[in-house]
Amino acid sequence: VKPGSHSRCISTSVLRCSDTLSVHRDTVQNNPDTKFEFTAENMTRAEAIMSIYPDGHKKAAVIPLLDLAQRQHGWLPLTAMHEVARILDMPRMRVYEVATFYTMFMRSVILFFS
């Protein structure tokens, strides 16, 4: 490239594919009948988390509450997302959108082999 000439570099990157479904499929371990409710201790934590958000902005606590549910259960079942939606008085779909967007949320049972 000569000095003063203008050229564009075009670069491409490898398409990263994930084997994680972005939609929910009922399984034996994860379906609408899976039991989930926050423990009394975690419900107290959830209330403390929500208290730091101003009135009208409680829904911003969705990520910390999903994280709390995942820490309690070990992974994030569908019914935990339903419970977070109920507590925050927001549509379930909005909670699903957050849970499917962030890779930190494990929406299926994680098996460890030793």
PDB file of N, CA and C in Angstrom:
ATOM      1  N   VAL A   1       0.854  -1.170   0.000  1.00  0.00           N
ATOM      2  CA  VAL A   1       0.000   0.000   0.000  1.00  0.00           C
ATOM      3  C   VAL A   1       0.900   1.233   0.000  1.00  0.00           C
ATOM      4  N   LYS A   2       0.620   2.133  -0.911  1.00  0.00           N
ATOM      5  CA  LYS A   2       1.407   3.350  -1.040  1.00  0.00           C
ATOM      6  C   LYS A   2       0.972   4.348   0.027  1.00  0.00           C
ATOM      7  N   PRO A   3       1.914   5.110   0.546  1.00  0.00           N
ATOM      8  CA  PRO A   3       1.534   6.144   1.509  1.00  0.00           C
ATOM      9  C   PRO A   3       0.534   7.109   0.876  1.00  0.00           C
ATOM     10  N   GLY A   4      -0.467   7.460   1.609  1.00  0.00           N
ATOM     11  CA  GLY A   4      -1.464   8.398   1.126  1.00  0.00           C
ATOM     12  C   GLY A   4      -2.610   7.727   0.396  1.00  0.00           C
ATOM     13  N   SER A   5      -2.447   6.463   0.020  1.00  0.00           N
ATOM     14  CA  SER A   5      -3.561   5.783  -0.639  1.00  0.00           C
ATOM     15  C   SER A   5      -4.496   5.231   0.436  1.00  0.00           C
ATOM     16  N   HIS A   6      -5.731   5.125   0.094  1.00  0.00           N
ATOM     17  CA  HIS A   6      -6.716   4.654   1.039  1.00  0.00           C
ATOM     18  C   HIS A   6      -7.191   3.268   0.623  1.00  0.00           C
ATOM     19  N   SER A   7      -7.036   2.337   1.486  1.00  0.00           N
ATOM     20  CA  SER A   7      -7.537   0.990   1.212  1.00  0.00           C
ATOM     21  C   SER A   7      -8.175   0.455   2.491  1.00  0.00           C
ATOM     22  N   ARG A   8      -9.059  -0.445   2.296  1.00  0.00           N
ATOM     23  CA  ARG A   8      -9.761  -1.029   3.446  1.00  0.00           C
ATOM     24  C   ARG A   8      -9.314  -2.460   3.624  1.00  0.00           C
ATOM     25  N   CYS A   9      -9.081  -2.806   4.832  1.00  0.00           N
ATOM     26  CA  CYS A   9      -8.777  -4.204   5.138  1.00  0.00           C
ATOM     27  C   CYS A   9     -10.085  -4.882   5.511  1.00  0.00           C
ATOM     28  N   ILE A  10     -10.321  -5.972   4.896  1.00  0.00           N
ATOM     29  CA  ILE A  10     -11.514  -6.741   5.220  1.00  0.00           C
ATOM     30  C   ILE A  10     -11.059  -8.000   5.946  1.00  0.00           C
ATOM     31  N   SER A  11     -11.578  -8.178   7.102  1.00  0.00           N
ATOM     32  CA  SER A  11     -11.212  -9.378   7.852  1.00  0.00           C
ATOM     33  C   SER A  11     -12.473 -10.157   8.190  1.00  0.00           C
ATOM     34  N   THR A  12     -12.293 -11.408   8.321  1.00  0.00           N
ATOM     35  CA  THR A  12     -13.410 -12.264   8.700  1.00  0.00           C
ATOM     36  C   THR A  12     -13.001 -13.062   9.918  1.00  0.00           C
ATOM     37  N   SER A  13     -13.965 -13.493  10.644  1.00  0.00           N
ATOM     38  CA  SER A  13     -13.678 -14.323  11.808  1.00  0.00           C
ATOM     39  C   SER A  13     -14.491 -15.601  11.687  1.00  0.00           C
ATOM     40  N   VAL A  14     -14.068 -16.562  12.418  1.00  0.00           N
ATOM     41  CA  VAL A  14     -14.741 -17.850  12.406  1.00  0.00           C
ATOM     42  C   VAL A  14     -16.083 -17.716  13.112  1.00  0.00           C
ATOM     43  N   LEU A  15     -17.109 -18.298  12.529  1.00  0.00           N
ATOM     44  CA  LEU A  15     -18.425 -18.305  13.157  1.00  0.00           C
ATOM     45  C   LEU A  15     -18.377 -19.234  14.361  1.00  0.00           C
ATOM     46  N   ARG A  16     -18.713 -18.710  15.490  1.00  0.00           N
ATOM     47  CA  ARG A  16     -18.710 -19.529  16.700  1.00  0.00           C
ATOM     48  C   ARG A  16     -20.102 -20.104  16.901  1.00  0.00           C
ATOM     49  N   CYS A  17     -20.154 -21.396  16.954  1.00  0.00           N
ATOM     50  CA  CYS A  17     -21.433 -22.073  17.137  1.00  0.00           C
ATOM     51  C   CYS A  17     -21.491 -22.660  18.539  1.00  0.00           C
ATOM     52  N   SER A  18     -22.648 -22.665  19.083  1.00  0.00           N
ATOM     53  CA  SER A  18     -22.848 -23.216  20.418  1.00  0.00           C
ATOM     54  C   SER A  18     -23.779 -24.401  20.312  1.00  0.00           C
ATOM     55  N   ASP A  19     -23.577 -25.379  21.187  1.00  0.00           N
ATOM     56  CA  ASP A  19     -24.484 -26.521  21.200  1.00  0.00           C
ATOM     57  C   ASP A  19     -25.614 -26.305  22.194  1.00  0.00           C
ATOM     58  N   THR A  20     -25.674 -25.113  22.776  1.00  0.00           N
ATOM     59  CA  THR A  20     -26.728 -24.784  23.732  1.00  0.00           C
ATOM     60  C   THR A  20     -27.955 -24.275  22.997  1.00  0.00           C
ATOM     61  N   LEU A  21     -29.087 -24.832  23.326  1.00  0.00           N
ATOM     62  CA  LEU A  21     -30.328 -24.369  22.716  1.00  0.00           C
ATOM     63  C   LEU A  21     -30.693 -23.001  23.261  1.00  0.00           C
ATOM     64  N   SER A  22     -31.195 -22.155  22.402  1.00  0.00           N
ATOM     65  CA  SER A  22     -31.654 -20.848  22.872  1.00  0.00           C
ATOM     66  C   SER A  22     -33.135 -20.893  23.226  1.00  0.00           C
ATOM     67  N   VAL A  23     -33.752 -22.039  23.039  1.00  0.00           N
ATOM     68  CA  VAL A  23     -35.147 -22.224  23.427  1.00  0.00           C
ATOM     69  C   VAL A  23     -35.216 -23.349  24.454  1.00  0.00           C
ATOM     70  N   HIS A  24     -36.252 -23.344  25.235  1.00  0.00           N
ATOM     71  CA  HIS A  24     -36.403 -24.370  26.271  1.00  0.00           C
ATOM     72  C   HIS A  24     -37.055 -25.613  25.696  1.00  0.00           C
ATOM     73  N   ARG A  25     -36.527 -26.760  26.076  1.00  0.00           N
ATOM     74  CA  ARG A  25     -37.126 -28.050  25.770  1.00  0.00           C
ATOM     75  C   ARG A  25     -37.322 -28.766  27.106  1.00  0.00           C
ATOM     76  N   ASP A  26     -38.553 -29.158  27.401  1.00  0.00           N
ATOM     77  CA  ASP A  26     -38.822 -29.867  28.652  1.00  0.00           C
ATOM     78  C   ASP A  26     -38.014 -31.158  28.731  1.00  0.00           C
ATOM     79  N   THR A  27     -37.444 -31.392  29.905  1.00  0.00           N
ATOM     80  CA  THR A  27     -36.756 -32.643  30.201  1.00  0.00           C
ATOM     81  C   THR A  27     -37.283 -33.149  31.530  1.00  0.00           C
ATOM     82  N   VAL A  28     -36.843 -34.325  31.914  1.00  0.00           N
ATOM     83  CA  VAL A  28     -37.272 -34.884  33.197  1.00  0.00           C
ATOM     84  C   VAL A  28     -36.843 -33.972  34.341  1.00  0.00           C
ATOM     85  N   GLN A  29     -35.623 -33.398  34.248  1.00  0.00           N
ATOM     86  CA  GLN A  29     -35.100 -32.545  35.321  1.00  0.00           C
ATOM     87  C   GLN A  29     -35.562 -31.094  35.221  1.00  0.00           C
ATOM     88  N   ASN A  30     -35.994 -30.660  34.047  1.00  0.00           N
ATOM     89  CA  ASN A  30     -36.296 -29.242  33.853  1.00  0.00           C
ATOM     90  C   ASN A  30     -37.597 -29.075  33.071  1.00  0.00           C
ATOM     91  N   ASN A  31     -38.669 -28.927  33.792  1.00  0.00           N
ATOM     92  CA  ASN A  31     -39.992 -28.764  33.183  1.00  0.00           C
ATOM     93  C   ASN A  31     -40.845 -27.923  34.125  1.00  0.00           C
ATOM     94  N   PRO A  32     -42.032 -27.534  33.725  1.00  0.00           N
ATOM     95  CA  PRO A  32     -42.860 -26.670  34.586  1.00  0.00           C
ATOM     96  C   PRO A  32     -43.228 -27.289  35.939  1.00  0.00           C
ATOM     97  N   ASP A  33     -43.037 -28.602  36.089  1.00  0.00           N
ATOM     98  CA  ASP A  33     -43.338 -29.255  37.369  1.00  0.00           C
ATOM     99  C   ASP A  33     -42.131 -29.342  38.300  1.00  0.00           C
ATOM    100  N   THR A  34     -40.952 -28.924  37.826  1.00  0.00           N
ATOM    101  CA  THR A  34     -39.753 -28.923  38.663  1.00  0.00           C
ATOM    102  C   THR A  34     -39.972 -27.964  39.826  1.00  0.00           C
ATOM    103  N   LYS A  35     -39.718 -28.427  41.017  1.00  0.00           N
ATOM    104  CA  LYS A  35     -39.953 -27.596  42.207  1.00  0.00           C
ATOM    105  C   LYS A  35     -38.819 -26.586  42.378  1.00  0.00           C
ATOM    106  N   PHE A  36     -39.189 -25.354  42.590  1.00  0.00           N
ATOM    107  CA  PHE A  36     -38.215 -24.320  42.944  1.00  0.00           C
ATOM    108  C   PHE A  36     -38.908 -23.220  43.715  1.00  0.00           C
ATOM    109  N   GLU A  37     -38.322 -22.878  44.826  1.00  0.00           N
ATOM    110  CA  GLU A  37     -38.669 -21.643  45.538  1.00  0.00           C
ATOM    111  C   GLU A  37     -37.445 -21.237  46.333  1.00  0.00           C
ATOM    112  N   PHE A  38     -37.280 -19.945  46.483  1.00  0.00           N
ATOM    113  CA  PHE A  38     -36.135 -19.454  47.244  1.00  0.00           C
ATOM    114  C   PHE A  38     -36.253 -19.897  48.690  1.00  0.00           C
ATOM    115  N   THR A  39     -35.111 -20.245  49.290  1.00  0.00           N
ATOM    116  CA  THR A  39     -35.100 -20.527  50.718  1.00  0.00           C
ATOM    117  C   THR A  39     -35.394 -19.218  51.449  1.00  0.00           C
ATOM    118  N   ALA A  40     -35.739 -19.325  52.717  1.00  0.00           N
ATOM    119  CA  ALA A  40     -36.024 -18.118  53.496  1.00  0.00           C
ATOM    120  C   ALA A  40     -34.804 -17.193  53.508  1.00  0.00           C
ATOM    121  N   GLU A  41     -33.623 -17.776  53.643  1.00  0.00           N
ATOM    122  CA  GLU A  41     -32.388 -16.989  53.672  1.00  0.00           C
ATOM    123  C   GLU A  41     -32.168 -16.295  52.323  1.00  0.00           C
ATOM    124  N   ASN A  42     -32.379 -17.013  51.224  1.00  0.00           N
ATOM    125  CA  ASN A  42     -32.182 -16.402  49.907  1.00  0.00           C
ATOM    126  C   ASN A  42     -33.288 -15.417  49.556  1.00  0.00           C
ATOM    127  N   MET A  43     -34.477 -15.622  50.098  1.00  0.00           N
ATOM    128  CA  MET A  43     -35.542 -14.638  49.876  1.00  0.00           C
ATOM    129  C   MET A  43     -35.182 -13.322  50.566  1.00  0.00           C
ATOM    130  N   THR A  44     -34.577 -13.426  51.741  1.00  0.00           N
ATOM    131  CA  THR A  44     -34.087 -12.230  52.443  1.00  0.00           C
ATOM    132  C   THR A  44     -33.010 -11.547  51.606  1.00  0.00           C
ATOM    133  N   ARG A  45     -32.120 -12.346  51.018  1.00  0.00           N
ATOM    134  CA  ARG A  45     -31.088 -11.779  50.139  1.00  0.00           C
ATOM    135  C   ARG A  45     -31.716 -11.111  48.924  1.00  0.00           C
ATOM    136  N   ALA A  46     -32.715 -11.756  48.339  1.00  0.00           N
ATOM    137  CA  ALA A  46     -33.394 -11.195  47.167  1.00  0.00           C
ATOM    138  C   ALA A  46     -34.027  -9.847  47.504  1.00  0.00           C
ATOM    139  N   GLU A  47     -34.658  -9.764  48.666  1.00  0.00           N
ATOM    140  CA  GLU A  47     -35.263  -8.492  49.091  1.00  0.00           C
ATOM    141  C   GLU A  47     -34.198  -7.428  49.292  1.00  0.00           C
ATOM    142  N   ALA A  48     -33.040  -7.822  49.846  1.00  0.00           N
ATOM    143  CA  ALA A  48     -31.941  -6.869  50.032  1.00  0.00           C
ATOM    144  C   ALA A  48     -31.408  -6.385  48.682  1.00  0.00           C
ATOM    145  N   ILE A  49     -31.303  -7.310  47.721  1.00  0.00           N
ATOM    146  CA  ILE A  49     -30.840  -6.938  46.377  1.00  0.00           C
ATOM    147  C   ILE A  49     -31.813  -5.956  45.746  1.00  0.00           C
ATOM    148  N   MET A  50     -33.111  -6.264  45.830  1.00  0.00           N
ATOM    149  CA  MET A  50     -34.111  -5.386  45.211  1.00  0.00           C
ATOM    150  C   MET A  50     -34.177  -4.019  45.890  1.00  0.00           C
ATOM    151  N   SER A  51     -33.821  -3.957  47.164  1.00  0.00           N
ATOM    152  CA  SER A  51     -33.910  -2.693  47.899  1.00  0.00           C
ATOM    153  C   SER A  51     -32.904  -1.657  47.417  1.00  0.00           C
ATOM    154  N   ILE A  52     -31.850  -2.073  46.740  1.00  0.00           N
ATOM    155  CA  ILE A  52     -30.850  -1.100  46.285  1.00  0.00           C
ATOM    156  C   ILE A  52     -31.277  -0.396  44.995  1.00  0.00           C
ATOM    157  N   TYR A  53     -32.342  -0.898  44.364  1.00  0.00           N
ATOM    158  CA  TYR A  53     -32.836  -0.281  43.133  1.00  0.00           C
ATOM    159  C   TYR A  53     -33.963   0.695  43.469  1.00  0.00           C
ATOM    160  N   PRO A  54     -34.002   1.848  42.827  1.00  0.00           N
ATOM    161  CA  PRO A  54     -35.055   2.824  43.128  1.00  0.00           C
ATOM    162  C   PRO A  54     -36.433   2.314  42.676  1.00  0.00           C
ATOM    163  N   ASP A  55     -37.461   2.894  43.260  1.00  0.00           N
ATOM    164  CA  ASP A  55     -38.828   2.528  42.877  1.00  0.00           C
ATOM    165  C   ASP A  55     -38.998   2.680  41.372  1.00  0.00           C
ATOM    166  N   GLY A  56     -39.681   1.729  40.782  1.00  0.00           N
ATOM    167  CA  GLY A  56     -39.892   1.755  39.343  1.00  0.00           C
ATOM    168  C   GLY A  56     -38.775   1.092  38.545  1.00  0.00           C
ATOM    169  N   HIS A  57     -37.700   0.692  39.217  1.00  0.00           N
ATOM    170  CA  HIS A  57     -36.557   0.086  38.527  1.00  0.00           C
ATOM    171  C   HIS A  57     -36.154  -1.244  39.158  1.00  0.00           C
ATOM    172  N   LYS A  58     -37.058  -1.876  39.871  1.00  0.00           N
ATOM    173  CA  LYS A  58     -36.775  -3.152  40.535  1.00  0.00           C
ATOM    174  C   LYS A  58     -36.438  -4.247  39.527  1.00  0.00           C
ATOM    175  N   LYS A  59     -36.977  -4.139  38.309  1.00  0.00           N
ATOM    176  CA  LYS A  59     -36.743  -5.164  37.289  1.00  0.00           C
ATOM    177  C   LYS A  59     -35.270  -5.260  36.902  1.00  0.00           C
ATOM    178  N   ALA A  60     -34.503  -4.236  37.207  1.00  0.00           N
ATOM    179  CA  ALA A  60     -33.069  -4.256  36.929  1.00  0.00           C
ATOM    180  C   ALA A  60     -32.348  -5.294  37.787  1.00  0.00           C
ATOM    181  N   ALA A  61     -33.023  -5.831  38.784  1.00  0.00           N
ATOM    182  CA  ALA A  61     -32.429  -6.852  39.659  1.00  0.00           C
ATOM    183  C   ALA A  61     -32.519  -8.247  39.048  1.00  0.00           C
ATOM    184  N   VAL A  62     -32.949  -8.362  37.810  1.00  0.00           N
ATOM    185  CA  VAL A  62     -33.161  -9.681  37.204  1.00  0.00           C
ATOM    186  C   VAL A  62     -31.874 -10.506  37.160  1.00  0.00           C
ATOM    187  N   ILE A  63     -30.750  -9.924  36.785  1.00  0.00           N
ATOM    188  CA  ILE A  63     -29.504 -10.689  36.711  1.00  0.00           C
ATOM    189  C   ILE A  63     -29.054 -11.161  38.091  1.00  0.00           C
ATOM    190  N   PRO A  64     -29.000 -10.284  39.102  1.00  0.00           N
ATOM    191  CA  PRO A  64     -28.602 -10.783  40.422  1.00  0.00           C
ATOM    192  C   PRO A  64     -29.555 -11.848  40.978  1.00  0.00           C
ATOM    193  N   LEU A  65     -30.852 -11.726  40.706  1.00  0.00           N
ATOM    194  CA  LEU A  65     -31.796 -12.730  41.216  1.00  0.00           C
ATOM    195  C   LEU A  65     -31.660 -14.054  40.472  1.00  0.00           C
ATOM    196  N   LEU A  66     -31.422 -14.007  39.171  1.00  0.00           N
ATOM    197  CA  LEU A  66     -31.168 -15.247  38.431  1.00  0.00           C
ATOM    198  C   LEU A  66     -29.894 -15.917  38.944  1.00  0.00           C
ATOM    199  N   ASP A  67     -28.875 -15.116  39.226  1.00  0.00           N
ATOM    200  CA  ASP A  67     -27.632 -15.659  39.771  1.00  0.00           C
ATOM    201  C   ASP A  67     -27.875 -16.293  41.137  1.00  0.00           C
ATOM    202  N   LEU A  68     -28.658 -15.641  41.968  1.00  0.00           N
ATOM    203  CA  LEU A  68     -28.983 -16.183  43.288  1.00  0.00           C
ATOM    204  C   LEU A  68     -29.722 -17.516  43.154  1.00  0.00           C
ATOM    205  N   ALA A  69     -30.668 -17.582  42.238  1.00  0.00           N
ATOM    206  CA  ALA A  69     -31.410 -18.826  42.009  1.00  0.00           C
ATOM    207  C   ALA A  69     -30.479 -19.930  41.527  1.00  0.00           C
ATOM    208  N   GLN A  70     -29.566 -19.588  40.621  1.00  0.00           N
ATOM    209  CA  GLN A  70     -28.635 -20.587  40.115  1.00  0.00           C
ATOM    210  C   GLN A  70     -27.699 -21.079  41.212  1.00  0.00           C
ATOM    211  N   ARG A  71     -27.232 -20.180  42.064  1.00  0.00           N
ATOM    212  CA  ARG A  71     -26.352 -20.582  43.165  1.00  0.00           C
ATOM    213  C   ARG A  71     -27.087 -21.488  44.143  1.00  0.00           C
ATOM    214  N   GLN A  72     -28.356 -21.228  44.360  1.00  0.00           N
ATOM    215  CA  GLN A  72     -29.140 -22.059  45.281  1.00  0.00           C
ATOM    216  C   GLN A  72     -29.372 -23.454  44.703  1.00  0.00           C
ATOM    217  N   HIS A  73     -29.697 -23.521  43.429  1.00  0.00           N
ATOM    218  CA  HIS A  73     -30.116 -24.785  42.809  1.00  0.00           C
ATOM    219  C   HIS A  73     -28.961 -25.531  42.130  1.00  0.00           C
ATOM    220  N   GLY A  74     -27.881 -24.832  41.834  1.00  0.00           N
ATOM    221  CA  GLY A  74     -26.749 -25.443  41.141  1.00  0.00           C
ATOM    222  C   GLY A  74     -26.789 -25.218  39.635  1.00  0.00           C
ATOM    223  N   TRP A  75     -27.925 -24.929  39.105  1.00  0.00           N
ATOM    224  CA  TRP A  75     -28.172 -24.571  37.710  1.00  0.00           C
ATOM    225  C   TRP A  75     -29.495 -23.831  37.690  1.00  0.00           C
ATOM    226  N   LEU A  76     -29.948 -23.344  36.544  1.00  0.00           N
ATOM    227  CA  LEU A  76     -31.121 -22.466  36.499  1.00  0.00           C
ATOM    228  C   LEU A  76     -32.308 -23.144  35.808  1.00  0.00           C
ATOM    229  N   PRO A  77     -33.178 -23.771  36.585  1.00  0.00           N
ATOM    230  CA  PRO A  77     -34.342 -24.420  35.968  1.00  0.00           C
ATOM    231  C   PRO A  77     -35.385 -23.397  35.512  1.00  0.00           C
ATOM    232  N   LEU A  78     -36.258 -23.855  34.658  1.00  0.00           N
ATOM    233  CA  LEU A  78     -37.338 -23.021  34.135  1.00  0.00           C
ATOM    234  C   LEU A  78     -38.173 -22.412  35.258  1.00  0.00           C
ATOM    235  N   THR A  79     -38.468 -23.206  36.263  1.00  0.00           N
ATOM    236  CA  THR A  79     -39.309 -22.711  37.359  1.00  0.00           C
ATOM    237  C   THR A  79     -38.603 -21.645  38.199  1.00  0.00           C
ATOM    238  N   ALA A  80     -37.282 -21.657  38.222  1.00  0.00           N
ATOM    239  CA  ALA A  80     -36.552 -20.583  38.907  1.00  0.00           C
ATOM    240  C   ALA A  80     -36.727 -19.275  38.141  1.00  0.00           C
ATOM    241  N   MET A  81     -36.707 -19.362  36.806  1.00  0.00           N
ATOM    242  CA  MET A  81     -36.952 -18.169  35.989  1.00  0.00           C
ATOM    243  C   MET A  81     -38.371 -17.662  36.209  1.00  0.00           C
ATOM    244  N   HIS A  82     -39.319 -18.575  36.333  1.00  0.00           N
ATOM    245  CA  HIS A  82     -40.706 -18.182  36.611  1.00  0.00           C
ATOM    246  C   HIS A  82     -40.805 -17.467  37.961  1.00  0.00           C
ATOM    247  N   GLU A  83     -40.093 -17.982  38.950  1.00  0.00           N
ATOM    248  CA  GLU A  83     -40.130 -17.372  40.285  1.00  0.00           C
ATOM    249  C   GLU A  83     -39.524 -15.973  40.265  1.00  0.00           C
ATOM    250  N   VAL A  84     -38.416 -15.804  39.557  1.00  0.00           N
ATOM    251  CA  VAL A  84     -37.798 -14.474  39.437  1.00  0.00           C
ATOM    252  C   VAL A  84     -38.763 -13.513  38.738  1.00  0.00           C
ATOM    253  N   ALA A  85     -39.422 -13.977  37.699  1.00  0.00           N
ATOM    254  CA  ALA A  85     -40.397 -13.132  36.988  1.00  0.00           C
ATOM    255  C   ALA A  85     -41.542 -12.738  37.919  1.00  0.00           C
ATOM    256  N   ARG A  86     -42.003 -13.686  38.734  1.00  0.00           N
ATOM    257  CA  ARG A  86     -43.101 -13.397  39.669  1.00  0.00           C
ATOM    258  C   ARG A  86     -42.665 -12.360  40.706  1.00  0.00           C
ATOM    259  N   ILE A  87     -41.493 -12.562  41.283  1.00  0.00           N
ATOM    260  CA  ILE A  87     -40.995 -11.645  42.317  1.00  0.00           C
ATOM    261  C   ILE A  87     -40.825 -10.231  41.768  1.00  0.00           C
ATOM    262  N   LEU A  88     -40.318 -10.124  40.550  1.00  0.00           N
ATOM    263  CA  LEU A  88     -40.058  -8.807  39.947  1.00  0.00           C
ATOM    264  C   LEU A  88     -41.255  -8.253  39.196  1.00  0.00           C
ATOM    265  N   ASP A  89     -42.336  -9.011  39.146  1.00  0.00           N
ATOM    266  CA  ASP A  89     -43.560  -8.602  38.448  1.00  0.00           C
ATOM    267  C   ASP A  89     -43.241  -8.193  37.006  1.00  0.00           C
ATOM    268  N   MET A  90     -42.579  -9.108  36.314  1.00  0.00           N
ATOM    269  CA  MET A  90     -42.245  -8.856  34.922  1.00  0.00           C
ATOM    270  C   MET A  90     -42.622 -10.077  34.082  1.00  0.00           C
ATOM    271  N   PRO A  91     -42.827  -9.905  32.790  1.00  0.00           N
ATOM    272  CA  PRO A  91     -43.189 -11.040  31.943  1.00  0.00           C
ATOM    273  C   PRO A  91     -42.098 -12.113  31.956  1.00  0.00           C
ATOM    274  N   ARG A  92     -42.518 -13.363  31.960  1.00  0.00           N
ATOM    275  CA  ARG A  92     -41.556 -14.470  31.952  1.00  0.00           C
ATOM    276  C   ARG A  92     -40.610 -14.373  30.762  1.00  0.00           C
ATOM    277  N   MET A  93     -41.138 -13.936  29.632  1.00  0.00           N
ATOM    278  CA  MET A  93     -40.318 -13.854  28.423  1.00  0.00           C
ATOM    279  C   MET A  93     -39.120 -12.933  28.616  1.00  0.00           C
ATOM    280  N   ARG A  94     -39.283 -11.847  29.354  1.00  0.00           N
ATOM    281  CA  ARG A  94     -38.168 -10.920  29.604  1.00  0.00           C
ATOM    282  C   ARG A  94     -37.073 -11.610  30.418  1.00  0.00           C
ATOM    283  N   VAL A  95     -37.494 -12.448  31.369  1.00  0.00           N
ATOM    284  CA  VAL A  95     -36.517 -13.194  32.172  1.00  0.00           C
ATOM    285  C   VAL A  95     -35.819 -14.229  31.289  1.00  0.00           C
ATOM    286  N   TYR A  96     -36.566 -14.920  30.426  1.00  0.00           N
ATOM    287  CA  TYR A  96     -35.962 -15.890  29.504  1.00  0.00           C
ATOM    288  C   TYR A  96     -34.936 -15.209  28.609  1.00  0.00           C
ATOM    289  N   GLU A  97     -35.272 -14.007  28.135  1.00  0.00           N
ATOM    290  CA  GLU A  97     -34.348 -13.291  27.258  1.00  0.00           C
ATOM    291  C   GLU A  97     -33.014 -13.039  27.947  1.00  0.00           C
ATOM    292  N   VAL A  98     -33.058 -12.650  29.199  1.00  0.00           N
ATOM    293  CA  VAL A  98     -31.827 -12.390  29.955  1.00  0.00           C
ATOM    294  C   VAL A  98     -31.069 -13.698  30.178  1.00  0.00           C
ATOM    295  N   ALA A  99     -31.782 -14.729  30.605  1.00  0.00           N
ATOM    296  CA  ALA A  99     -31.136 -16.005  30.922  1.00  0.00           C
ATOM    297  C   ALA A  99     -30.517 -16.660  29.687  1.00  0.00           C
ATOM    298  N   THR A 100     -31.123 -16.473  28.529  1.00  0.00           N
ATOM    299  CA  THR A 100     -30.562 -17.078  27.319  1.00  0.00           C
ATOM    300  C   THR A 100     -29.453 -16.227  26.714  1.00  0.00           C
ATOM    301  N   PHE A 101     -29.432 -14.944  27.007  1.00  0.00           N
ATOM    302  CA  PHE A 101     -28.406 -14.063  26.451  1.00  0.00           C
ATOM    303  C   PHE A 101     -27.064 -14.249  27.150  1.00  0.00           C
ATOM    304  N   TYR A 102     -27.075 -14.325  28.468  1.00  0.00           N
ATOM    305  CA  TYR A 102     -25.836 -14.394  29.240  1.00  0.00           C
ATOM    306  C   TYR A 102     -25.397 -15.838  29.431  1.00  0.00           C
ATOM    307  N   THR A 103     -24.166 -16.132  29.025  1.00  0.00           N
ATOM    308  CA  THR A 103     -23.647 -17.498  29.111  1.00  0.00           C
ATOM    309  C   THR A 103     -23.337 -17.931  30.537  1.00  0.00           C
ATOM    310  N   MET A 104     -23.391 -17.018  31.481  1.00  0.00           N
ATOM    311  CA  MET A 104     -23.134 -17.383  32.876  1.00  0.00           C
ATOM    312  C   MET A 104     -24.274 -18.216  33.470  1.00  0.00           C
ATOM    313  N   PHE A 105     -25.429 -18.216  32.807  1.00  0.00           N
ATOM    314  CA  PHE A 105     -26.567 -18.959  33.329  1.00  0.00           C
ATOM    315  C   PHE A 105     -26.620 -20.344  32.693  1.00  0.00           C
ATOM    316  N   MET A 106     -26.556 -21.360  33.542  1.00  0.00           N
ATOM    317  CA  MET A 106     -26.605 -22.752  33.105  1.00  0.00           C
ATOM    318  C   MET A 106     -28.052 -23.214  33.173  1.00  0.00           C
ATOM    319  N   ARG A 107     -28.695 -23.332  32.017  1.00  0.00           N
ATOM    320  CA  ARG A 107     -30.120 -23.643  31.976  1.00  0.00           C
ATOM    321  C   ARG A 107     -30.420 -25.127  31.864  1.00  0.00           C
ATOM    322  N   SER A 108     -29.401 -25.936  32.049  1.00  0.00           N
ATOM    323  CA  SER A 108     -29.609 -27.382  32.076  1.00  0.00           C
ATOM    324  C   SER A 108     -28.673 -27.976  33.122  1.00  0.00           C
ATOM    325  N   VAL A 109     -28.962 -29.200  33.501  1.00  0.00           N
ATOM    326  CA  VAL A 109     -28.167 -29.880  34.520  1.00  0.00           C
ATOM    327  C   VAL A 109     -26.745 -30.039  34.003  1.00  0.00           C
ATOM    328  N   ILE A 110     -25.791 -29.708  34.840  1.00  0.00           N
ATOM    329  CA  ILE A 110     -24.381 -29.853  34.489  1.00  0.00           C
ATOM    330  C   ILE A 110     -23.875 -31.108  35.181  1.00  0.00           C
ATOM    331  N   LEU A 111     -23.357 -32.043  34.395  1.00  0.00           N
ATOM    332  CA  LEU A 111     -22.830 -33.283  34.942  1.00  0.00           C
ATOM    333  C   LEU A 111     -21.316 -33.216  34.987  1.00  0.00           C
ATOM    334  N   PHE A 112     -20.754 -33.651  36.094  1.00  0.00           N
ATOM    335  CA  PHE A 112     -19.306 -33.691  36.260  1.00  0.00           C
ATOM    336  C   PHE A 112     -18.873 -35.137  36.360  1.00  0.00           C
ATOM    337  N   PHE A 113     -17.859 -35.471  35.622  1.00  0.00           N
ATOM    338  CA  PHE A 113     -17.316 -36.828  35.663  1.00  0.00           C
ATOM    339  C   PHE A 113     -15.900 -36.774  36.221  1.00  0.00           C
ATOM    340  N   SER A 114     -15.581 -37.753  37.040  1.00  0.00           N
ATOM    341  CA  SER A 114     -14.224 -37.773  37.586  1.00  0.00           C
ATOM    342  C   SER A 114     -13.511 -39.049  37.227  1.00  0.00           C
TER     343      SER A 114
END
